[in-house]
Amino acid sequence: MDAALLRPGAGRTRRGDARERPHGGGRPGGRSRTGPRGLPRGNPHARPGDVADAGQDRGGAAGAAARDPDPPGRALGDAEGHGAVLQEDPLLSPEDRARALRRRRGPLGVRRSAPRRRHPLSGHRCRHAGHHARARGAPRREGPRDAVGPDRTRTDGDGALLSRRQQARVAVLGTGSWGTTFGKILADGGASVTMWARRPEIAAEISRTHRNSDYLPGITLPDGLSATSDLKVALAGASHVFVAVPSQTLRDNLTAIRPLLAPGATVVSLMKGVEKSTGLRMSEVIIESLGIDPGRVAVASGPNLALEIAREQPTAAVISSSRLETAQSVAMLARNGYFRSFVNTDVIGTEFGGVLKNLIAVAIGIVDGVGYGENTKASIITRGLVEMTDFAVARGAKAETLAGLAGLGDLIATCQSPLSRNNTAGRLLGQGYSFQAVVKQMQQTAEGLASVAPVLELAREIGVEMPIVEQVKQVLDGTLDPRDIAPHLTTDSDEPQGERTSDDSEETSGGPLRRTFKRAFDQLRNGRRGALGDRP
């Protein structure tokens, strides 16, 4: 059968000489342009064709083919070639010919999409093509596309290949505000997340309604996240286990976890505290209780207020492990359009930064509750950072870690935000509530309250003075009126002192300027492998 010629103003002739009305209608009453599933009526086949869908990403090879004019004789219609054949017509002017080609561009007549917005943090292209994938029956990917996609790879400085698996199986233990938020981060990054809840009703709510109304009211959780109150089910086959339980209950929880942990699984601490009875950091408790290699343990820290992140407000964190590859594998999972993870190998500095900033945040809350202004708070934050750095460096940390996300970044966010539990606890203390009354009034654990005593004990052991933390302890013990706290916070002596912003060993070795030059030379000499501070 000879195919009819496509002329301006005429309908398309389809196989079987069936006439198809031109785009834009033609029936009485002005029918809509779109048909079933919103497809243009130029093609009656509702099933998406492979060629049409491949051309949606105009940046790829298929997109390049879709942009080029098709050769004469190409079938109009779906990818299988159904439809009429557009042939050369000597009666058509070049303008009419170009108009006809524009009408038939794209086998399904799908128009080019508008330019996609780029997210200011990660630089990747925002959500798109998820509906196309589901139309083909492909598995749904929750959340925005990552800057380093699930099927892309990159190589670190030592040549080790890093890959991010689209459906990595991970477990999150703890369904408080931070544990639930981190589960959302992982699910939005492409992982399959199973959360363990101590309370069965919370697990049921998360799985059925994708909500956690007790801890994250108003937040809808992604489809890739489910919950259970059965610890064995939560840990089954998990390659990474993220732990977000109260720090003082960690050891008991680890006892139950140990026989269920998959061989070779990485354990990540999301907690910021020290164990009261031993003074151990959370990673040390994990290593001791589970009997695993330190290279399989990582910690996460940074300016991470749970509710802000759950609302997908952009932020960053640092993942630290004694083994760089472990930190990188966790960072690749904890990464999406609104959350960026950096890495370092200074576990001591990363953990103590998260612990110590809680104590300074309690002090800020106290003076805020009393009614003191911004000058007092700025003084406490500045001198508090010095105390944090002195303590952490004396315990083996790197000073620059305390100037990064896990130190200064977390300190600013925790001290300034009313969302901070430690800031809230301090504010209640400043308003005259007793320590016991504050604990009863707090719905969630304020780790800073439990960490004051063990941190001060460790400070005395290593000979580090921490006047701000000492004053906080006196308020907690009821031996100091909150109104008397400010005059004593920024100095421990009435004698004039120099403003020391770093420890003495740094001053004698050249201080921050010398460290800056040293890092620059290390990077030039080692091809950026010499500086393991916060890096993506």
Protein backbone atom coordinates (compact mmCIF):
# COMPACT_ATOMS: atom_id res chain seq x y z
CA MET A 1 0.00 0.00 0.00
CA ASP A 2 1.37 3.43 -0.95
CA ALA A 3 1.66 5.74 2.00
CA ALA A 4 0.01 9.11 1.75
CA LEU A 5 2.04 12.27 1.77
CA LEU A 6 1.98 14.50 4.79
CA ARG A 7 0.95 18.01 3.72
CA PRO A 8 0.45 21.24 5.67
CA GLY A 9 -2.97 21.30 7.25
CA ALA A 10 -3.64 17.64 6.51
CA GLY A 11 -3.91 14.77 9.01
CA ARG A 12 -1.45 11.93 9.19
CA THR A 13 -2.22 8.81 7.23
CA ARG A 14 -1.71 5.71 9.31
CA ARG A 15 -1.41 2.05 8.37
CA GLY A 16 -4.69 0.82 6.89
CA ASP A 17 -5.57 4.24 5.41
CA ALA A 18 -7.04 5.32 8.72
CA ARG A 19 -7.05 9.10 8.96
CA GLU A 20 -5.72 10.74 12.13
CA ARG A 21 -6.74 14.30 12.86
CA PRO A 22 -3.98 16.92 13.14
CA HIS A 23 -2.59 17.98 16.53
CA GLY A 24 -4.66 20.62 18.17
CA GLY A 25 -8.03 19.04 17.67
CA GLY A 26 -10.34 19.04 14.69
CA ARG A 27 -13.40 17.41 16.18
CA PRO A 28 -16.40 19.52 17.05
CA GLY A 29 -16.11 20.75 20.59
CA GLY A 30 -12.31 21.14 20.53
CA ARG A 31 -10.91 17.94 22.00
CA SER A 32 -7.78 18.16 24.14
CA ARG A 33 -4.38 17.54 22.60
CA THR A 34 -3.64 14.73 25.00
CA GLY A 35 -5.01 11.23 25.10
CA PRO A 36 -4.58 8.26 27.46
CA ARG A 37 -1.78 8.76 29.99
CA GLY A 38 -1.38 12.33 28.79
CA LEU A 39 0.21 11.28 25.46
CA PRO A 40 -0.24 13.53 22.40
CA ARG A 41 -3.07 12.33 20.16
CA GLY A 42 -0.67 12.15 17.23
CA ASN A 43 0.03 8.60 18.39
CA PRO A 44 -2.74 6.27 19.63
CA HIS A 45 -0.32 3.77 21.18
CA ALA A 46 -0.35 4.41 24.95
CA ARG A 47 2.55 2.05 25.59
CA PRO A 48 5.82 4.02 25.79
CA GLY A 49 8.32 2.87 23.24
CA ASP A 50 11.96 2.23 24.02
CA VAL A 51 13.26 4.76 21.51
CA ALA A 52 10.93 7.49 22.69
CA ASP A 53 11.84 7.05 26.31
CA ALA A 54 15.57 6.81 25.66
CA GLY A 55 15.44 10.19 24.02
CA GLN A 56 14.06 11.98 27.04
CA ASP A 57 17.50 12.60 28.45
CA ARG A 58 18.63 14.91 25.69
CA GLY A 59 22.18 14.90 26.97
CA GLY A 60 22.83 11.24 26.16
CA ALA A 61 23.54 9.37 22.97
CA ALA A 62 19.87 8.61 22.46
CA GLY A 63 19.07 12.27 23.03
CA ALA A 64 21.55 13.28 20.37
CA ALA A 65 19.86 10.96 17.92
CA ALA A 66 16.47 12.40 18.86
CA ARG A 67 17.71 15.92 18.12
CA ASP A 68 18.95 15.14 14.63
CA PRO A 69 16.53 15.28 11.70
CA ASP A 70 15.37 11.78 10.83
CA PRO A 71 16.15 10.46 7.34
CA PRO A 72 13.38 10.35 4.75
CA GLY A 73 11.26 7.22 4.96
CA ARG A 74 11.38 6.96 8.76
CA ALA A 75 8.11 5.62 10.15
CA LEU A 76 5.90 7.89 12.22
CA GLY A 77 4.51 6.37 15.38
CA ASP A 78 6.00 4.21 18.08
CA ALA A 79 9.41 2.56 18.29
CA GLU A 80 8.27 -0.48 16.35
CA GLY A 81 7.69 1.55 13.24
CA HIS A 82 3.87 1.56 13.14
CA GLY A 83 2.36 4.48 11.26
CA ALA A 84 2.64 6.26 7.93
CA VAL A 85 5.87 6.96 6.07
CA LEU A 86 6.89 10.52 5.42
CA GLN A 87 8.39 10.68 1.94
CA GLU A 88 10.01 13.38 -0.11
CA ASP A 89 7.40 15.52 -1.85
CA PRO A 90 8.56 17.85 -4.59
CA LEU A 91 5.44 19.97 -4.02
CA LEU A 92 6.44 20.84 -0.47
CA SER A 93 8.39 24.04 0.05
CA PRO A 94 11.45 23.89 2.32
CA GLU A 95 9.50 25.79 4.99
CA ASP A 96 6.60 23.32 4.84
CA ARG A 97 9.00 20.41 4.90
CA ALA A 98 10.74 21.80 8.01
CA ARG A 99 7.35 22.39 9.66
CA ALA A 100 6.32 18.79 8.98
CA LEU A 101 9.60 17.49 10.41
CA ARG A 102 9.10 19.56 13.54
CA ARG A 103 5.60 18.11 13.96
CA ARG A 104 6.85 14.56 13.75
CA ARG A 105 10.04 15.05 15.85
CA GLY A 106 10.09 12.35 18.50
CA PRO A 107 8.23 9.12 17.72
CA LEU A 108 5.66 9.82 20.41
CA GLY A 109 5.51 13.52 19.84
CA VAL A 110 6.91 14.22 23.28
CA ARG A 111 8.08 17.79 23.59
CA ARG A 112 11.42 18.80 25.07
CA SER A 113 11.22 19.37 28.78
CA ALA A 114 12.15 22.70 30.29
CA PRO A 115 15.76 23.10 31.47
CA ARG A 116 16.19 21.29 34.76
CA ARG A 117 17.13 23.19 37.86
CA ARG A 118 20.49 22.45 39.39
CA HIS A 119 20.63 22.18 43.14
CA PRO A 120 22.89 24.85 44.65
CA LEU A 121 24.64 22.38 46.96
CA SER A 122 25.41 19.31 44.92
CA GLY A 123 25.27 20.64 41.37
CA HIS A 124 23.31 17.66 40.12
CA ARG A 125 20.18 17.71 38.05
CA CYS A 126 17.04 17.66 40.15
CA ARG A 127 14.27 15.08 40.01
CA HIS A 128 13.36 14.00 36.52
CA ALA A 129 12.70 10.85 34.57
CA GLY A 130 11.43 8.98 37.61
CA HIS A 131 7.99 8.81 36.00
CA HIS A 132 9.51 7.55 32.75
CA ALA A 133 11.31 4.75 34.58
CA ARG A 134 8.13 3.69 36.34
CA ALA A 135 6.26 3.66 33.02
CA ARG A 136 8.74 1.06 31.79
CA GLY A 137 8.25 -0.98 34.94
CA ALA A 138 11.71 -0.23 36.33
CA PRO A 139 12.13 -0.12 40.12
CA ARG A 140 11.33 3.21 41.67
CA ARG A 141 14.27 5.23 42.97
CA GLU A 142 13.38 7.33 45.96
CA GLY A 143 14.71 10.83 46.39
CA PRO A 144 16.81 13.12 44.24
CA ARG A 145 19.63 11.99 41.99
CA ASP A 146 23.02 12.17 43.58
CA ALA A 147 26.03 14.05 42.26
CA VAL A 148 27.74 10.68 42.07
CA GLY A 149 25.00 8.41 40.79
CA PRO A 150 24.34 4.86 41.91
CA ASP A 151 25.75 3.38 38.74
CA ARG A 152 28.76 5.67 38.54
CA THR A 153 32.14 5.12 40.10
CA ARG A 154 35.12 7.16 41.14
CA THR A 155 38.62 6.34 42.32
CA ASP A 156 40.38 7.66 45.40
CA GLY A 157 44.01 8.81 45.47
CA ASP A 158 45.33 5.28 46.04
CA GLY A 159 43.45 3.81 43.10
CA ALA A 160 40.82 1.95 45.12
CA LEU A 161 37.58 1.80 43.19
CA LEU A 162 34.57 3.28 44.99
CA SER A 163 31.06 2.49 43.86
CA ARG A 164 27.69 3.33 45.23
CA ARG A 165 25.09 0.60 45.00
CA GLN A 166 21.62 1.77 44.15
CA GLN A 167 19.87 -0.69 46.45
CA ALA A 168 22.38 -1.12 49.27
CA ARG A 169 20.73 -2.86 52.21
CA VAL A 170 21.30 -0.84 55.40
CA ALA A 171 19.85 -0.84 58.91
CA VAL A 172 19.28 2.11 61.25
CA LEU A 173 18.88 1.29 64.94
CA GLY A 174 16.83 3.91 66.74
CA THR A 175 13.78 5.85 65.57
CA GLY A 176 14.25 9.11 67.46
CA SER A 177 14.42 12.35 65.51
CA TRP A 178 18.07 11.92 64.43
CA GLY A 179 17.86 8.21 63.68
CA THR A 180 14.71 8.67 61.58
CA THR A 181 16.20 11.66 59.79
CA PHE A 182 19.36 9.74 58.94
CA GLY A 183 17.24 6.87 57.66
CA LYS A 184 15.55 9.37 55.36
CA ILE A 185 18.93 10.66 54.19
CA LEU A 186 20.01 7.14 53.25
CA ALA A 187 16.73 6.25 51.54
CA ASP A 188 16.74 9.50 49.56
CA GLY A 189 20.26 8.58 48.47
CA GLY A 190 19.05 5.29 46.95
CA ALA A 191 19.57 2.76 49.77
CA SER A 192 17.00 0.26 50.99
CA VAL A 193 16.61 1.17 54.66
CA THR A 194 15.13 -0.90 57.48
CA MET A 195 14.81 0.86 60.81
CA TRP A 196 14.60 -0.82 64.19
CA ALA A 197 12.22 0.72 66.72
CA ARG A 198 12.08 -0.22 70.37
CA ARG A 199 8.36 0.58 70.40
CA PRO A 200 6.25 -1.56 68.01
CA GLU A 201 3.70 1.22 67.49
CA ILE A 202 6.36 3.53 66.04
CA ALA A 203 7.56 0.79 63.70
CA ALA A 204 4.00 0.18 62.55
CA GLU A 205 3.38 3.89 61.92
CA ILE A 206 6.57 4.30 59.88
CA SER A 207 5.83 1.24 57.73
CA ARG A 208 2.12 1.95 57.19
CA THR A 209 1.94 5.73 56.91
CA HIS A 210 5.58 6.75 56.28
CA ARG A 211 5.37 9.08 59.28
CA ASN A 212 6.99 9.31 62.71
CA SER A 213 4.62 11.72 64.40
CA ASP A 214 6.27 11.42 67.82
CA TYR A 215 9.69 12.64 66.70
CA LEU A 216 9.33 14.17 63.21
CA PRO A 217 5.80 15.61 63.03
CA GLY A 218 4.71 16.71 59.56
CA ILE A 219 7.52 14.88 57.72
CA THR A 220 6.70 12.27 55.07
CA LEU A 221 9.30 9.52 54.89
CA PRO A 222 10.37 7.97 51.55
CA ASP A 223 9.01 4.69 50.20
CA GLY A 224 12.47 3.11 50.44
CA LEU A 225 12.31 3.22 54.23
CA SER A 226 10.51 0.69 56.43
CA ALA A 227 10.60 -0.16 60.12
CA THR A 228 10.33 -3.16 62.41
CA SER A 229 10.53 -3.89 66.14
CA ASP A 230 12.29 -7.20 65.40
CA LEU A 231 16.05 -6.63 65.66
CA LYS A 232 16.83 -9.80 63.71
CA VAL A 233 14.70 -8.66 60.77
CA ALA A 234 16.26 -5.19 60.80
CA LEU A 235 19.84 -6.52 60.69
CA ALA A 236 19.32 -9.34 58.19
CA GLY A 237 21.70 -8.84 55.26
CA ALA A 238 22.61 -5.25 56.19
CA SER A 239 25.99 -4.16 54.83
CA HIS A 240 26.00 -1.02 56.99
CA VAL A 241 24.44 -0.61 60.43
CA PHE A 242 23.83 2.94 61.67
CA VAL A 243 23.35 3.20 65.43
CA ALA A 244 21.33 6.08 66.90
CA VAL A 245 20.38 5.04 70.43
CA PRO A 246 21.00 6.98 73.67
CA SER A 247 24.71 6.85 74.45
CA GLN A 248 24.25 5.45 77.96
CA THR A 249 22.24 2.48 76.61
CA LEU A 250 24.60 1.68 73.75
CA ARG A 251 26.50 -1.16 75.43
CA ASP A 252 23.31 -3.06 76.30
CA ASN A 253 22.00 -2.68 72.76
CA LEU A 254 25.28 -3.90 71.29
CA THR A 255 25.03 -7.08 73.34
CA ALA A 256 21.83 -7.90 71.46
CA ILE A 257 23.27 -6.83 68.10
CA ARG A 258 26.50 -8.85 68.19
CA PRO A 259 25.15 -12.33 67.24
CA LEU A 260 22.97 -10.84 64.48
CA LEU A 261 25.56 -8.67 62.75
CA ALA A 262 26.43 -9.75 59.20
CA PRO A 263 30.08 -10.73 58.64
CA GLY A 264 32.07 -7.76 57.39
CA ALA A 265 29.30 -5.25 58.08
CA THR A 266 30.30 -1.65 58.79
CA VAL A 267 28.95 -0.09 62.00
CA VAL A 268 28.39 3.67 62.04
CA SER A 269 27.87 5.70 65.22
CA LEU A 270 25.39 8.57 64.96
CA MET A 271 25.70 9.33 68.70
CA LYS A 272 27.51 12.19 70.41
CA GLY A 273 28.44 11.26 73.95
CA VAL A 274 30.83 9.39 76.22
CA GLU A 275 30.01 6.44 78.43
CA LYS A 276 29.67 7.56 82.05
CA SER A 277 31.11 4.47 83.67
CA THR A 278 34.21 4.19 81.47
CA GLY A 279 34.70 7.56 79.76
CA LEU A 280 34.92 5.77 76.40
CA ARG A 281 33.84 7.37 73.16
CA MET A 282 30.97 5.70 71.30
CA SER A 283 33.25 4.16 68.65
CA GLU A 284 35.40 2.69 71.41
CA VAL A 285 32.34 1.14 73.04
CA ILE A 286 31.32 -0.34 69.67
CA ILE A 287 34.76 -1.85 69.03
CA GLU A 288 35.00 -3.27 72.54
CA SER A 289 31.45 -4.66 72.69
CA LEU A 290 31.28 -6.13 69.19
CA GLY A 291 34.90 -7.27 69.02
CA ILE A 292 35.36 -5.95 65.48
CA ASP A 293 38.25 -4.30 63.71
CA PRO A 294 38.39 -0.49 64.16
CA GLY A 295 38.55 -0.18 60.38
CA ARG A 296 34.94 -1.40 60.20
CA VAL A 297 33.68 1.39 62.48
CA ALA A 298 32.83 4.94 61.41
CA VAL A 299 31.28 7.99 63.07
CA ALA A 300 29.14 10.78 61.65
CA SER A 301 29.11 14.34 62.98
CA GLY A 302 28.49 17.92 61.92
CA PRO A 303 25.91 20.73 62.06
CA ASN A 304 22.98 18.34 61.82
CA LEU A 305 19.75 19.56 63.41
CA ALA A 306 17.35 16.75 62.64
CA LEU A 307 14.18 18.65 61.77
CA GLU A 308 15.93 21.01 59.36
CA ILE A 309 17.49 18.09 57.48
CA ALA A 310 14.19 16.19 57.47
CA ARG A 311 12.73 19.24 55.70
CA GLU A 312 15.54 18.81 53.15
CA GLN A 313 17.32 22.05 53.99
CA PRO A 314 20.87 21.72 52.57
CA THR A 315 23.66 20.85 54.99
CA ALA A 316 26.86 18.84 55.27
CA ALA A 317 28.45 16.37 57.66
CA VAL A 318 31.77 14.59 58.12
CA ILE A 319 32.22 10.82 58.20
CA SER A 320 35.32 9.61 60.01
CA SER A 321 37.00 6.23 60.28
CA SER A 322 40.51 5.02 60.96
CA ARG A 323 40.29 3.37 57.53
CA LEU A 324 39.71 5.95 54.80
CA GLU A 325 37.94 3.49 52.49
CA THR A 326 35.36 2.78 55.21
CA ALA A 327 34.65 6.49 55.65
CA GLN A 328 34.29 6.88 51.88
CA SER A 329 31.88 3.96 51.54
CA VAL A 330 29.64 5.43 54.25
CA ALA A 331 29.87 8.91 52.74
CA MET A 332 28.74 7.55 49.37
CA LEU A 333 25.60 6.19 51.02
CA ALA A 334 24.91 9.32 53.13
CA ARG A 335 24.78 11.67 50.19
CA ASN A 336 21.91 13.13 48.19
CA GLY A 337 20.56 16.40 46.85
CA TYR A 338 20.33 18.13 50.22
CA PHE A 339 22.98 16.28 52.27
CA ARG A 340 26.70 16.23 51.51
CA SER A 341 29.22 14.05 53.36
CA PHE A 342 32.93 14.81 53.73
CA VAL A 343 35.49 12.36 55.13
CA ASN A 344 38.52 12.33 57.41
CA THR A 345 40.47 9.80 59.47
CA ASP A 346 40.55 11.78 62.74
CA VAL A 347 37.98 9.75 64.68
CA ILE A 348 39.04 11.22 68.03
CA GLY A 349 38.61 14.83 66.92
CA THR A 350 35.34 14.11 65.10
CA GLU A 351 33.79 12.40 68.12
CA PHE A 352 35.01 14.79 70.77
CA GLY A 353 33.88 17.75 68.65
CA GLY A 354 30.34 16.36 68.75
CA VAL A 355 30.54 15.62 72.48
CA LEU A 356 32.08 18.88 73.68
CA LYS A 357 29.91 21.24 71.66
CA ASN A 358 26.91 19.84 73.56
CA LEU A 359 28.42 21.09 76.82
CA ILE A 360 28.99 24.58 75.42
CA ALA A 361 25.45 24.57 74.02
CA VAL A 362 24.09 23.89 77.51
CA ALA A 363 26.04 26.93 78.75
CA ILE A 364 24.59 29.06 75.93
CA GLY A 365 21.11 27.87 76.83
CA ILE A 366 21.64 28.80 80.49
CA VAL A 367 22.65 32.41 79.76
CA ASP A 368 19.86 32.63 77.20
CA GLY A 369 17.35 31.50 79.83
CA VAL A 370 18.72 34.05 82.27
CA GLY A 371 18.24 36.78 79.67
CA TYR A 372 21.81 37.71 78.72
CA GLY A 373 22.41 38.97 75.19
CA GLU A 374 24.51 38.23 72.15
CA ASN A 375 27.80 39.56 73.52
CA THR A 376 27.78 37.04 76.35
CA LYS A 377 26.86 34.21 73.99
CA ALA A 378 29.55 35.15 71.46
CA SER A 379 32.16 35.19 74.24
CA ILE A 380 31.13 31.75 75.46
CA ILE A 381 31.13 30.26 71.94
CA THR A 382 34.60 31.66 71.18
CA ARG A 383 36.20 30.62 74.46
CA GLY A 384 34.29 27.36 74.38
CA LEU A 385 35.93 26.46 71.07
CA VAL A 386 39.34 26.96 72.73
CA GLU A 387 38.36 24.60 75.55
CA MET A 388 37.10 22.04 73.04
CA THR A 389 40.32 22.22 71.02
CA ASP A 390 42.60 22.01 74.06
CA PHE A 391 40.79 18.94 75.36
CA ALA A 392 40.55 17.12 72.00
CA VAL A 393 44.19 17.76 71.03
CA ALA A 394 45.35 16.54 74.44
CA ARG A 395 43.40 13.33 73.77
CA GLY A 396 45.11 12.82 70.39
CA ALA A 397 42.89 14.77 67.96
CA LYS A 398 44.00 17.13 65.21
CA ALA A 399 43.34 20.81 65.90
CA GLU A 400 42.04 21.42 62.37
CA THR A 401 39.24 18.91 62.90
CA LEU A 402 37.82 21.13 65.63
CA ALA A 403 37.82 24.04 63.16
CA GLY A 404 35.72 21.99 60.71
CA LEU A 405 32.20 20.65 60.49
CA ALA A 406 32.51 18.36 63.52
CA GLY A 407 33.77 21.19 65.74
CA LEU A 408 33.03 24.80 64.86
CA GLY A 409 30.22 23.96 62.44
CA ASP A 410 28.37 21.80 64.94
CA LEU A 411 29.06 24.27 67.75
CA ILE A 412 27.44 27.19 65.90
CA ALA A 413 24.36 25.23 64.88
CA THR A 414 23.80 23.72 68.35
CA CYS A 415 24.37 26.94 70.27
CA GLN A 416 22.19 29.17 68.10
CA SER A 417 19.17 26.98 67.31
CA PRO A 418 16.07 26.50 69.47
CA LEU A 419 15.82 23.06 67.82
CA SER A 420 18.88 21.93 69.80
CA ARG A 421 17.95 19.67 72.72
CA ASN A 422 21.06 20.71 74.68
CA ASN A 423 20.33 24.39 74.11
CA THR A 424 16.73 23.82 75.23
CA ALA A 425 17.87 21.97 78.37
CA GLY A 426 20.23 24.81 79.26
CA ARG A 427 17.51 27.39 78.70
CA LEU A 428 15.23 25.56 81.15
CA LEU A 429 18.06 25.51 83.69
CA GLY A 430 18.56 29.24 83.23
CA GLN A 431 14.87 29.81 83.84
CA GLY A 432 15.19 28.18 87.27
CA TYR A 433 14.19 24.54 86.66
CA SER A 434 16.14 21.91 88.56
CA PHE A 435 18.17 19.27 86.78
CA GLN A 436 15.60 16.57 87.60
CA ALA A 437 12.73 18.75 86.36
CA VAL A 438 14.56 19.40 83.09
CA VAL A 439 15.15 15.70 82.50
CA LYS A 440 11.45 14.96 83.07
CA GLN A 441 10.37 17.78 80.76
CA MET A 442 12.66 16.75 77.88
CA GLN A 443 10.99 14.29 75.50
CA GLN A 444 14.34 13.26 74.01
CA THR A 445 17.81 12.73 75.44
CA ALA A 446 20.04 15.79 75.82
CA GLU A 447 23.44 14.09 75.60
CA GLY A 448 25.27 17.12 76.97
CA LEU A 449 23.69 16.72 80.40
CA ALA A 450 25.00 13.16 80.73
CA SER A 451 28.46 13.98 79.35
CA VAL A 452 29.46 16.83 81.68
CA ALA A 453 30.79 14.71 84.54
CA PRO A 454 32.80 12.14 82.52
CA VAL A 455 34.32 14.87 80.31
CA LEU A 456 35.49 16.84 83.34
CA GLU A 457 36.99 13.69 84.84
CA LEU A 458 38.92 13.05 81.61
CA ALA A 459 40.04 16.70 81.53
CA ARG A 460 41.49 16.46 85.03
CA GLU A 461 43.37 13.29 84.08
CA ILE A 462 45.16 15.06 81.23
CA GLY A 463 45.56 18.41 83.00
CA VAL A 464 43.27 20.49 80.76
CA GLU A 465 41.32 23.36 82.34
CA MET A 466 37.71 23.77 81.19
CA PRO A 467 36.18 26.67 83.19
CA ILE A 468 33.00 26.88 81.09
CA VAL A 469 32.19 23.21 81.55
CA GLU A 470 33.04 23.45 85.27
CA GLN A 471 30.46 26.22 85.68
CA VAL A 472 27.84 24.19 83.80
CA LYS A 473 28.39 21.28 86.19
CA GLN A 474 27.91 23.57 89.19
CA VAL A 475 24.58 24.75 87.77
CA LEU A 476 23.52 21.13 87.19
CA ASP A 477 24.50 20.26 90.76
CA GLY A 478 22.56 23.24 92.11
CA THR A 479 25.65 24.82 93.70
CA LEU A 480 25.72 27.87 91.38
CA ASP A 481 22.93 30.29 90.56
CA PRO A 482 22.51 30.49 86.77
CA ARG A 483 22.67 34.31 87.01
CA ASP A 484 26.20 34.06 88.39
CA ILE A 485 27.50 31.91 85.57
CA ALA A 486 28.46 34.54 82.95
CA PRO A 487 31.18 36.49 84.81
CA HIS A 488 33.15 33.27 85.33
CA LEU A 489 32.77 31.65 81.92
CA THR A 490 35.45 33.20 79.76
CA THR A 491 38.34 33.07 82.22
CA ASP A 492 39.36 31.01 85.24
CA SER A 493 41.44 33.78 86.85
CA ASP A 494 41.05 37.44 87.75
CA GLU A 495 44.49 38.22 86.33
CA PRO A 496 44.71 39.62 82.78
CA GLN A 497 45.49 36.90 80.27
CA GLY A 498 46.47 36.80 76.64
CA GLU A 499 43.80 35.64 74.20
CA ARG A 500 45.04 32.17 73.37
CA THR A 501 43.13 30.67 70.45
CA SER A 502 45.25 27.52 70.04
CA ASP A 503 47.22 25.18 72.24
CA ASP A 504 50.82 25.98 73.18
CA SER A 505 52.34 23.29 70.98
CA GLU A 506 50.82 24.93 67.91
CA GLU A 507 52.16 28.33 68.88
CA THR A 508 55.71 27.04 69.26
CA SER A 509 55.51 25.21 65.94
CA GLY A 510 54.33 28.18 63.92
CA GLY A 511 50.58 28.10 64.52
CA PRO A 512 47.81 28.12 61.93
CA LEU A 513 49.82 29.90 59.22
CA ARG A 514 52.53 27.25 59.30
CA ARG A 515 49.91 24.47 59.14
CA THR A 516 48.28 26.11 56.13
CA PHE A 517 51.56 26.19 54.21
CA LYS A 518 52.40 22.66 55.27
CA ARG A 519 49.08 21.32 53.98
CA ALA A 520 49.57 23.15 50.68
CA PHE A 521 53.03 21.64 50.19
CA ASP A 522 51.74 18.19 51.18
CA GLN A 523 49.04 18.43 48.55
CA LEU A 524 51.53 19.46 45.86
CA ARG A 525 53.97 16.73 46.83
CA ASN A 526 51.47 13.90 47.28
CA GLY A 527 48.84 14.81 44.72
CA ARG A 528 46.26 15.87 47.36
CA ARG A 529 46.75 12.64 49.32
CA GLY A 530 48.65 14.36 52.10
CA ALA A 531 45.67 16.23 53.56
CA LEU A 532 43.02 13.96 54.99
CA GLY A 533 41.01 16.72 56.63
CA ASP A 534 37.35 17.13 55.73
CA ARG A 535 37.24 16.26 52.06
CA PRO A 536 34.46 14.96 49.83
